[in-house]
C-alpha atoms as a PDB file:
ATOM      1  CA  MET A   1     -17.108  28.616 -25.035  1.00  0.00           C
ATOM      2  CA  ALA A   2     -15.508  31.048 -22.592  1.00  0.00           C
ATOM      3  CA  MET A   3     -14.219  33.149 -25.389  1.00  0.00           C
ATOM      4  CA  GLU A   4     -17.314  33.250 -27.713  1.00  0.00           C
ATOM      5  CA  ILE A   5     -19.825  34.137 -24.754  1.00  0.00           C
ATOM      6  CA  ALA A   6     -16.810  37.272 -23.925  1.00  0.00           C
ATOM      7  CA  ARG A   7     -17.083  38.394 -27.640  1.00  0.00           C
ATOM      8  CA  ALA A   8     -20.754  38.520 -27.999  1.00  0.00           C
ATOM      9  CA  LYS A   9     -21.573  39.423 -24.480  1.00  0.00           C
ATOM     10  CA  ASN A  10     -18.901  41.564 -24.242  1.00  0.00           C
ATOM     11  CA  GLY A  11     -17.588  39.574 -21.368  1.00  0.00           C
ATOM     12  CA  VAL A  12     -14.790  39.529 -18.886  1.00  0.00           C
ATOM     13  CA  ILE A  13     -13.057  36.401 -18.497  1.00  0.00           C
ATOM     14  CA  VAL A  14     -11.857  35.384 -15.039  1.00  0.00           C
ATOM     15  CA  ASN A  15      -9.599  32.642 -13.846  1.00  0.00           C
ATOM     16  CA  ALA A  16     -10.957  29.851 -11.308  1.00  0.00           C
ATOM     17  CA  ASP A  17      -8.010  26.970 -12.655  1.00  0.00           C
ATOM     18  CA  ALA A  18      -5.988  26.582  -9.618  1.00  0.00           C
ATOM     19  CA  MET A  19      -3.489  25.939 -11.159  1.00  0.00           C
ATOM     20  CA  GLN A  20      -3.490  28.652 -13.819  1.00  0.00           C
ATOM     21  CA  VAL A  21      -3.062  30.943 -11.307  1.00  0.00           C
ATOM     22  CA  TYR A  22       0.761  30.718 -11.400  1.00  0.00           C
ATOM     23  CA  ARG A  23       3.315  32.514 -13.517  1.00  0.00           C
ATOM     24  CA  GLU A  24       5.386  30.288 -14.568  1.00  0.00           C
ATOM     25  CA  LEU A  25       3.348  27.482 -15.908  1.00  0.00           C
ATOM     26  CA  ARG A  26       1.761  29.133 -19.097  1.00  0.00           C
ATOM     27  CA  ILE A  27       2.497  26.011 -20.854  1.00  0.00           C
ATOM     28  CA  LEU A  28       1.458  22.974 -18.804  1.00  0.00           C
ATOM     29  CA  THR A  29      -1.213  24.603 -17.388  1.00  0.00           C
ATOM     30  CA  ALA A  30      -2.745  25.298 -20.593  1.00  0.00           C
ATOM     31  CA  ARG A  31      -3.820  29.206 -19.810  1.00  0.00           C
ATOM     32  CA  PRO A  32      -4.446  30.744 -22.733  1.00  0.00           C
ATOM     33  CA  THR A  33      -2.344  32.365 -25.060  1.00  0.00           C
ATOM     34  CA  VAL A  34      -1.286  35.771 -26.139  1.00  0.00           C
ATOM     35  CA  ALA A  35      -3.340  35.488 -28.595  1.00  0.00           C
ATOM     36  CA  ASP A  36      -6.657  34.431 -27.054  1.00  0.00           C
ATOM     37  CA  GLU A  37      -5.827  37.393 -24.277  1.00  0.00           C
ATOM     38  CA  ALA A  38      -5.927  40.002 -27.024  1.00  0.00           C
ATOM     39  CA  LEU A  39      -9.483  38.445 -27.936  1.00  0.00           C
ATOM     40  CA  ALA A  40     -10.531  39.200 -25.373  1.00  0.00           C
ATOM     41  CA  PRO A  41      -9.994  40.510 -21.202  1.00  0.00           C
ATOM     42  CA  HIS A  42      -8.543  38.230 -19.117  1.00  0.00           C
ATOM     43  CA  ARG A  43      -8.014  38.407 -15.797  1.00  0.00           C
ATOM     44  CA  LEU A  44      -6.365  35.763 -12.369  1.00  0.00           C
ATOM     45  CA  TYR A  45      -4.136  33.696 -14.965  1.00  0.00           C
ATOM     46  CA  GLY A  46      -0.412  33.709 -14.253  1.00  0.00           C
ATOM     47  CA  HIS A  47      -0.627  36.664 -11.603  1.00  0.00           C
ATOM     48  CA  VAL A  48       1.164  34.493  -8.443  1.00  0.00           C
ATOM     49  CA  ALA A  49       4.442  33.449  -8.333  1.00  0.00           C
ATOM     50  CA  GLY A  50       5.155  29.864  -7.978  1.00  0.00           C
ATOM     51  CA  ALA A  51       7.289  30.169  -4.445  1.00  0.00           C
ATOM     52  CA  SER A  52       3.797  31.701  -3.304  1.00  0.00           C
ATOM     53  CA  ASP A  53       1.304  30.154  -1.159  1.00  0.00           C
ATOM     54  CA  TYR A  54      -2.173  30.813  -2.727  1.00  0.00           C
ATOM     55  CA  SER A  55      -5.637  29.874  -0.944  1.00  0.00           C
ATOM     56  CA  VAL A  56      -9.412  29.487  -1.704  1.00  0.00           C
ATOM     57  CA  ALA A  57     -10.292  32.054   0.148  1.00  0.00           C
ATOM     58  CA  GLN A  58      -7.197  34.389  -1.668  1.00  0.00           C
ATOM     59  CA  TRP A  59      -8.945  33.749  -4.845  1.00  0.00           C
ATOM     60  CA  GLN A  60     -12.743  34.497  -3.639  1.00  0.00           C
ATOM     61  CA  ARG A  61     -11.692  37.968  -2.752  1.00  0.00           C
ATOM     62  CA  GLU A  62     -10.080  38.288  -6.072  1.00  0.00           C
ATOM     63  CA  CYS A  63     -12.461  36.850  -7.889  1.00  0.00           C
ATOM     64  CA  VAL A  64     -16.027  38.871  -6.047  1.00  0.00           C
ATOM     65  CA  GLY A  65     -13.255  41.799  -6.814  1.00  0.00           C
ATOM     66  CA  GLU A  66     -12.964  41.592 -10.440  1.00  0.00           C
ATOM     67  CA  ILE A  67     -16.857  40.300 -10.841  1.00  0.00           C
ATOM     68  CA  GLU A  68     -17.120  43.890  -8.714  1.00  0.00           C
ATOM     69  CA  GLN A  69     -14.999  45.887 -11.538  1.00  0.00           C
ATOM     70  CA  ALA A  70     -17.107  43.920 -14.369  1.00  0.00           C
ATOM     71  CA  HIS A  71     -20.731  44.877 -13.427  1.00  0.00           C
ATOM     72  CA  ALA A  72     -19.229  48.569 -12.887  1.00  0.00           C
ATOM     73  CA  ALA A  73     -17.552  48.362 -16.462  1.00  0.00           C
ATOM     74  CA  ARG A  74     -21.205  47.002 -17.460  1.00  0.00           C
ATOM     75  CA  GLN A  75     -19.056  44.114 -18.723  1.00  0.00           C
ATOM     76  CA  LEU A  76     -20.113  40.006 -18.364  1.00  0.00           C
ATOM     77  CA  PRO A  77     -18.400  38.317 -15.778  1.00  0.00           C
ATOM     78  CA  ILE A  78     -17.003  35.015 -17.214  1.00  0.00           C
ATOM     79  CA  VAL A  79     -15.589  32.647 -14.129  1.00  0.00           C
ATOM     80  CA  CYS A  80     -14.093  29.808 -16.409  1.00  0.00           C
ATOM     81  CA  GLY A  81     -12.301  26.853 -15.022  1.00  0.00           C
ATOM     82  CA  GLY A  82     -11.172  24.506 -13.657  1.00  0.00           C
ATOM     83  CA  THR A  83     -11.542  23.671 -10.326  1.00  0.00           C
ATOM     84  CA  GLY A  84     -14.332  22.914  -8.671  1.00  0.00           C
ATOM     85  CA  LEU A  85     -13.169  23.660  -5.010  1.00  0.00           C
ATOM     86  CA  TYR A  86     -12.964  27.627  -6.467  1.00  0.00           C
ATOM     87  CA  PHE A  87     -16.671  27.414  -8.559  1.00  0.00           C
ATOM     88  CA  MET A  88     -18.178  26.286  -4.723  1.00  0.00           C
ATOM     89  CA  SER A  89     -16.647  28.920  -2.629  1.00  0.00           C
ATOM     90  CA  LEU A  90     -18.670  31.869  -4.608  1.00  0.00           C
ATOM     91  CA  ILE A  91     -21.668  29.575  -4.740  1.00  0.00           C
ATOM     92  CA  ASN A  92     -21.993  28.110  -1.588  1.00  0.00           C
ATOM     93  CA  GLY A  93     -19.460  29.895   0.180  1.00  0.00           C
ATOM     94  CA  LEU A  94     -17.210  28.453   2.685  1.00  0.00           C
ATOM     95  CA  SER A  95     -18.019  27.142   6.024  1.00  0.00           C
ATOM     96  CA  ALA A  96     -15.891  29.112   8.655  1.00  0.00           C
ATOM     97  CA  VAL A  97     -16.410  26.055  11.205  1.00  0.00           C
ATOM     98  CA  PRO A  98     -14.371  27.099  14.457  1.00  0.00           C
ATOM     99  CA  GLU A  99     -11.457  25.130  15.075  1.00  0.00           C
ATOM    100  CA  ILE A 100     -12.404  21.734  17.000  1.00  0.00           C
ATOM    101  CA  SER A 101     -11.202  21.049  20.394  1.00  0.00           C
ATOM    102  CA  PRO A 102      -8.388  18.809  20.470  1.00  0.00           C
ATOM    103  CA  ASP A 103      -9.710  16.811  22.902  1.00  0.00           C
ATOM    104  CA  VAL A 104     -13.030  16.248  21.012  1.00  0.00           C
ATOM    105  CA  ARG A 105     -10.692  15.353  17.575  1.00  0.00           C
ATOM    106  CA  ALA A 106      -8.886  12.220  20.007  1.00  0.00           C
ATOM    107  CA  LYS A 107     -11.923  10.987  21.292  1.00  0.00           C
ATOM    108  CA  TRP A 108     -13.463  10.520  18.137  1.00  0.00           C
ATOM    109  CA  ARG A 109     -10.255   9.590  15.747  1.00  0.00           C
ATOM    110  CA  GLU A 110      -9.691   6.723  18.476  1.00  0.00           C
ATOM    111  CA  PHE A 111     -12.856   5.926  18.833  1.00  0.00           C
ATOM    112  CA  ASP A 112     -13.483   1.858  18.179  1.00  0.00           C
ATOM    113  CA  GLY A 113     -17.035   1.490  18.812  1.00  0.00           C
ATOM    114  CA  ASP A 114     -20.222   2.577  15.233  1.00  0.00           C
ATOM    115  CA  LEU A 115     -19.422   6.018  14.522  1.00  0.00           C
ATOM    116  CA  HIS A 116     -22.406   5.611  11.997  1.00  0.00           C
ATOM    117  CA  ALA A 117     -24.930   5.033  14.957  1.00  0.00           C
ATOM    118  CA  GLU A 118     -23.309   7.813  17.211  1.00  0.00           C
ATOM    119  CA  LEU A 119     -23.949  10.197  14.426  1.00  0.00           C
ATOM    120  CA  MET A 120     -27.446   9.296  13.963  1.00  0.00           C
ATOM    121  CA  LEU A 121     -27.623  10.361  17.803  1.00  0.00           C
ATOM    122  CA  ARG A 122     -26.538  13.393  17.466  1.00  0.00           C
ATOM    123  CA  ASP A 123     -26.847  14.637  13.764  1.00  0.00           C
ATOM    124  CA  SER A 124     -29.195  12.644  11.768  1.00  0.00           C
ATOM    125  CA  VAL A 125     -28.891  14.958   8.550  1.00  0.00           C
ATOM    126  CA  SER A 126     -25.389  14.065   7.845  1.00  0.00           C
ATOM    127  CA  ALA A 127     -25.753  10.214   8.962  1.00  0.00           C
ATOM    128  CA  ALA A 128     -28.987  10.050   6.308  1.00  0.00           C
ATOM    129  CA  LYS A 129     -26.225  10.788   3.823  1.00  0.00           C
ATOM    130  CA  LEU A 130     -23.059   9.331   4.812  1.00  0.00           C
ATOM    131  CA  ASN A 131     -21.448   5.224   4.100  1.00  0.00           C
ATOM    132  CA  HIS A 132     -21.378   3.003   7.498  1.00  0.00           C
ATOM    133  CA  ALA A 133     -17.289   2.526   6.171  1.00  0.00           C
ATOM    134  CA  ASP A 134     -17.076   6.123   5.222  1.00  0.00           C
ATOM    135  CA  ARG A 135     -14.249   6.502   8.753  1.00  0.00           C
ATOM    136  CA  GLN A 136     -12.768   9.964   7.447  1.00  0.00           C
ATOM    137  CA  ARG A 137     -16.412  11.587   6.765  1.00  0.00           C
ATOM    138  CA  LEU A 138     -18.537  10.316  10.143  1.00  0.00           C
ATOM    139  CA  ILE A 139     -15.298  11.175  12.410  1.00  0.00           C
ATOM    140  CA  ARG A 140     -15.373  14.644  10.912  1.00  0.00           C
ATOM    141  CA  ALA A 141     -19.246  15.206  11.179  1.00  0.00           C
ATOM    142  CA  LEU A 142     -19.163  14.012  15.061  1.00  0.00           C
ATOM    143  CA  GLU A 143     -15.897  16.257  15.950  1.00  0.00           C
ATOM    144  CA  VAL A 144     -17.464  19.383  14.680  1.00  0.00           C
ATOM    145  CA  VAL A 145     -21.380  18.499  15.788  1.00  0.00           C
ATOM    146  CA  GLU A 146     -19.709  17.331  19.220  1.00  0.00           C
ATOM    147  CA  SER A 147     -16.905  20.442  19.701  1.00  0.00           C
ATOM    148  CA  THR A 148     -19.497  23.281  18.274  1.00  0.00           C
ATOM    149  CA  GLY A 149     -22.962  22.264  18.793  1.00  0.00           C
ATOM    150  CA  LEU A 150     -24.340  22.893  15.530  1.00  0.00           C
ATOM    151  CA  SER A 151     -24.104  20.394  12.313  1.00  0.00           C
ATOM    152  CA  LEU A 152     -22.248  20.298   9.067  1.00  0.00           C
ATOM    153  CA  PRO A 153     -25.281  21.075   7.481  1.00  0.00           C
ATOM    154  CA  GLU A 154     -26.026  23.517   9.542  1.00  0.00           C
ATOM    155  CA  TRP A 155     -22.879  25.447   9.369  1.00  0.00           C
ATOM    156  CA  GLN A 156     -23.097  24.831   5.438  1.00  0.00           C
ATOM    157  CA  ALA A 157     -26.479  26.473   5.662  1.00  0.00           C
ATOM    158  CA  LYS A 158     -24.898  29.564   7.124  1.00  0.00           C
ATOM    159  CA  ALA A 159     -21.867  29.981   4.560  1.00  0.00           C
ATOM    160  CA  LYS A 160     -24.675  29.620   1.607  1.00  0.00           C
ATOM    161  CA  ALA A 161     -26.458  32.289   3.415  1.00  0.00           C
ATOM    162  CA  ALA A 162     -23.529  34.744   2.970  1.00  0.00           C
ATOM    163  CA  ALA A 163     -21.943  33.513   0.113  1.00  0.00           C
ATOM    164  CA  LEU A 164     -21.017  36.179  -2.486  1.00  0.00           C
ATOM    165  CA  LEU A 165     -22.748  35.424  -4.734  1.00  0.00           C
ATOM    166  CA  HIS A 166     -25.872  34.672  -3.058  1.00  0.00           C
ATOM    167  CA  GLY A 167     -28.574  36.448  -4.810  1.00  0.00           C
ATOM    168  CA  PHE A 168     -26.823  37.369  -8.131  1.00  0.00           C
ATOM    169  CA  ASN A 169     -28.517  35.785 -11.513  1.00  0.00           C
ATOM    170  CA  VAL A 170     -25.356  33.216 -11.752  1.00  0.00           C
ATOM    171  CA  VAL A 171     -25.973  30.928 -15.388  1.00  0.00           C
ATOM    172  CA  LYS A 172     -24.332  27.557 -14.246  1.00  0.00           C
ATOM    173  CA  LEU A 173     -22.474  25.811 -17.844  1.00  0.00           C
ATOM    174  CA  HIS A 174     -20.403  22.435 -17.779  1.00  0.00           C
ATOM    175  CA  LYS A 175     -18.943  21.394 -20.590  1.00  0.00           C
ATOM    176  CA  ASN A 176     -20.120  18.050 -21.383  1.00  0.00           C
ATOM    177  CA  LEU A 177     -18.606  15.858 -23.673  1.00  0.00           C
ATOM    178  CA  ALA A 178     -17.965  11.786 -23.594  1.00  0.00           C
ATOM    179  CA  ARG A 179     -15.212  10.486 -21.310  1.00  0.00           C
ATOM    180  CA  GLU A 180     -13.401   8.546 -24.359  1.00  0.00           C
ATOM    181  CA  GLU A 181     -13.023  12.172 -26.265  1.00  0.00           C
ATOM    182  CA  ILE A 182     -11.745  14.291 -23.304  1.00  0.00           C
ATOM    183  CA  TYR A 183      -9.238  11.838 -22.926  1.00  0.00           C
ATOM    184  CA  ALA A 184      -8.165  11.516 -26.673  1.00  0.00           C
ATOM    185  CA  ARG A 185      -8.328  15.421 -26.387  1.00  0.00           C
ATOM    186  CA  ALA A 186      -5.658  15.483 -23.308  1.00  0.00           C
ATOM    187  CA  ASN A 187      -3.163  12.910 -25.051  1.00  0.00           C
ATOM    188  CA  ALA A 188      -3.229  15.212 -28.398  1.00  0.00           C
ATOM    189  CA  ARG A 189      -2.860  18.763 -25.722  1.00  0.00           C
ATOM    190  CA  PHE A 190       0.155  17.355 -23.989  1.00  0.00           C
ATOM    191  CA  ASP A 191       2.028  16.120 -27.397  1.00  0.00           C
ATOM    192  CA  GLN A 192       1.108  20.022 -28.136  1.00  0.00           C
ATOM    193  CA  MET A 193       2.030  21.283 -24.963  1.00  0.00           C
ATOM    194  CA  LEU A 194       5.766  19.237 -25.933  1.00  0.00           C
ATOM    195  CA  GLU A 195       5.953  20.707 -29.141  1.00  0.00           C
ATOM    196  CA  GLN A 196       5.224  24.051 -27.773  1.00  0.00           C
ATOM    197  CA  GLY A 197       8.222  24.006 -25.082  1.00  0.00           C
ATOM    198  CA  ALA A 198       7.094  22.271 -21.951  1.00  0.00           C
ATOM    199  CA  LEU A 199      10.402  20.900 -21.529  1.00  0.00           C
ATOM    200  CA  ALA A 200      11.821  24.190 -21.835  1.00  0.00           C
ATOM    201  CA  GLU A 201       9.900  25.718 -19.299  1.00  0.00           C
ATOM    202  CA  VAL A 202       9.808  22.829 -16.794  1.00  0.00           C
ATOM    203  CA  ARG A 203      13.157  23.471 -16.649  1.00  0.00           C
ATOM    204  CA  ALA A 204      13.526  27.263 -15.891  1.00  0.00           C
ATOM    205  CA  LEU A 205      11.429  26.555 -12.956  1.00  0.00           C
ATOM    206  CA  PRO A 206      13.247  27.640  -9.543  1.00  0.00           C
ATOM    207  CA  LYS A 207      14.181  25.427  -6.870  1.00  0.00           C
ATOM    208  CA  LEU A 208      10.846  24.919  -4.796  1.00  0.00           C
ATOM    209  CA  HIS A 209      10.190  22.742  -2.314  1.00  0.00           C
ATOM    210  CA  PRO A 210       8.574  19.798  -3.248  1.00  0.00           C
ATOM    211  CA  ASN A 211       5.117  20.344  -1.657  1.00  0.00           C
ATOM    212  CA  GLN A 212       4.520  23.749  -3.203  1.00  0.00           C
ATOM    213  CA  PRO A 213       1.397  23.509  -5.535  1.00  0.00           C
ATOM    214  CA  THR A 214       3.797  23.953  -8.692  1.00  0.00           C
ATOM    215  CA  MET A 215       6.282  21.438  -8.625  1.00  0.00           C
ATOM    216  CA  LYS A 216       3.117  18.779  -8.486  1.00  0.00           C
ATOM    217  CA  ALA A 217       1.170  20.554 -11.393  1.00  0.00           C
ATOM    218  CA  ILE A 218       0.748  17.256 -13.946  1.00  0.00           C
ATOM    219  CA  GLY A 219       3.737  17.035 -15.894  1.00  0.00           C
ATOM    220  CA  VAL A 220       6.674  19.053 -13.956  1.00  0.00           C
ATOM    221  CA  PRO A 221       7.371  16.127 -11.758  1.00  0.00           C
ATOM    222  CA  GLU A 222       7.258  13.870 -15.005  1.00  0.00           C
ATOM    223  CA  LEU A 223       9.316  16.157 -17.113  1.00  0.00           C
ATOM    224  CA  GLN A 224      11.580  16.648 -13.747  1.00  0.00           C
ATOM    225  CA  ALA A 225      11.989  13.148 -13.921  1.00  0.00           C
ATOM    226  CA  HIS A 226      13.400  12.986 -17.578  1.00  0.00           C
ATOM    227  CA  LEU A 227      16.176  15.935 -16.958  1.00  0.00           C
ATOM    228  CA  ARG A 228      17.606  14.067 -14.180  1.00  0.00           C
ATOM    229  CA  GLY A 229      18.125  11.438 -16.340  1.00  0.00           C
ATOM    230  CA  GLU A 230      15.688   9.177 -14.708  1.00  0.00           C
ATOM    231  CA  ILE A 231      13.591   8.025 -17.733  1.00  0.00           C
ATOM    232  CA  THR A 232      13.131   9.021 -21.524  1.00  0.00           C
ATOM    233  CA  LEU A 233      11.150  11.869 -22.588  1.00  0.00           C
ATOM    234  CA  GLU A 234       8.531   9.344 -24.292  1.00  0.00           C
ATOM    235  CA  GLN A 235       8.182   7.380 -20.523  1.00  0.00           C
ATOM    236  CA  ALA A 236       7.587  10.575 -19.416  1.00  0.00           C
ATOM    237  CA  LYS A 237       5.211  12.428 -21.776  1.00  0.00           C
ATOM    238  CA  THR A 238       3.404   8.659 -20.950  1.00  0.00           C
ATOM    239  CA  LEU A 239       3.781   8.816 -17.131  1.00  0.00           C
ATOM    240  CA  ALA A 240       1.987  12.206 -17.650  1.00  0.00           C
ATOM    241  CA  GLN A 241      -0.731  11.658 -19.868  1.00  0.00           C
ATOM    242  CA  THR A 242      -1.871   9.099 -17.684  1.00  0.00           C
ATOM    243  CA  ALA A 243      -2.064  11.604 -14.699  1.00  0.00           C
ATOM    244  CA  THR A 244      -4.167  13.601 -16.475  1.00  0.00           C
ATOM    245  CA  ARG A 245      -6.242  10.530 -17.360  1.00  0.00           C
ATOM    246  CA  GLN A 246      -6.480  10.101 -13.645  1.00  0.00           C
ATOM    247  CA  TYR A 247      -7.404  13.405 -13.016  1.00  0.00           C
ATOM    248  CA  ILE A 248     -10.390  13.757 -15.784  1.00  0.00           C
ATOM    249  CA  LYS A 249     -11.645  10.622 -14.081  1.00  0.00           C
ATOM    250  CA  ARG A 250     -12.001  12.271 -10.331  1.00  0.00           C
ATOM    251  CA  GLN A 251     -13.505  15.991 -12.021  1.00  0.00           C
ATOM    252  CA  LEU A 252     -16.153  13.563 -13.466  1.00  0.00           C
ATOM    253  CA  THR A 253     -16.998  11.942 -10.198  1.00  0.00           C
ATOM    254  CA  TRP A 254     -16.753  15.130  -8.636  1.00  0.00           C
ATOM    255  CA  ALA A 255     -19.392  16.993 -11.221  1.00  0.00           C
ATOM    256  CA  ARG A 256     -21.709  14.090 -10.721  1.00  0.00           C
ATOM    257  CA  GLY A 257     -21.889  14.465  -7.209  1.00  0.00           C
ATOM    258  CA  GLN A 258     -21.875  18.569  -7.283  1.00  0.00           C
ATOM    259  CA  MET A 259     -23.302  19.716 -10.127  1.00  0.00           C
ATOM    260  CA  ALA A 260     -26.224  18.062 -10.395  1.00  0.00           C
ATOM    261  CA  ASP A 261     -28.264  21.263 -10.846  1.00  0.00           C
ATOM    262  CA  TRP A 262     -26.045  22.833 -13.841  1.00  0.00           C
ATOM    263  CA  GLU A 263     -26.869  22.947 -17.256  1.00  0.00           C
ATOM    264  CA  MET A 264     -24.636  20.608 -19.516  1.00  0.00           C
ATOM    265  CA  CYS A 265     -24.345  21.486 -22.888  1.00  0.00           C
END
């Protein structure tokens, strides 16, 4: 869809997928092919070394730079992905909540009373949105309001007012397919990845710390286990396809909660 828009509207496609930024994983992250890149301009794909630490803040700065360059060239920037947090960082901004006081953090993490009731006294807006059993989020909201004097919604409102796309005319499109169709496409795509050389791509990866994002990309741990002789290639494929379906389910859940105002197409 992004390719069609780019070709029809003199567009530039800007990557918003946290894994497609990495240089070493063209196949396993389903980056645009060389043929795709010849048909329309693509930016921020495969430009980061796998050993590098890369954050949403870095991507945000680079993405805004690409948007500005596209506008200067009278081209349409099309941000395509991918990673929900990346999109939200452009639309809603990044909340710059100051560091929480260690004493305040310890107080609420060790608190054994009614967290929801405590939050209702201090930040009724957040309390109304949170489940009584959601201990992690209740603690976070209490930490922020006590340590900073402002509630999380207040910090989020500040961030949104300063969001990098605030004031721009932004069309937000979400490709909506039935879950079973997405699952079937993902299964077929992993088969295609193997045919295109995914195993060789994993074999060629540099030795990186297991916590590096490239080492946790779906397909990498599974194919590495096969290369170590621990499982068959068929087992690795099945595990990777299962992990992909689980990831799809999480993405769909996130989209329902965060992208309700996006146009489904």
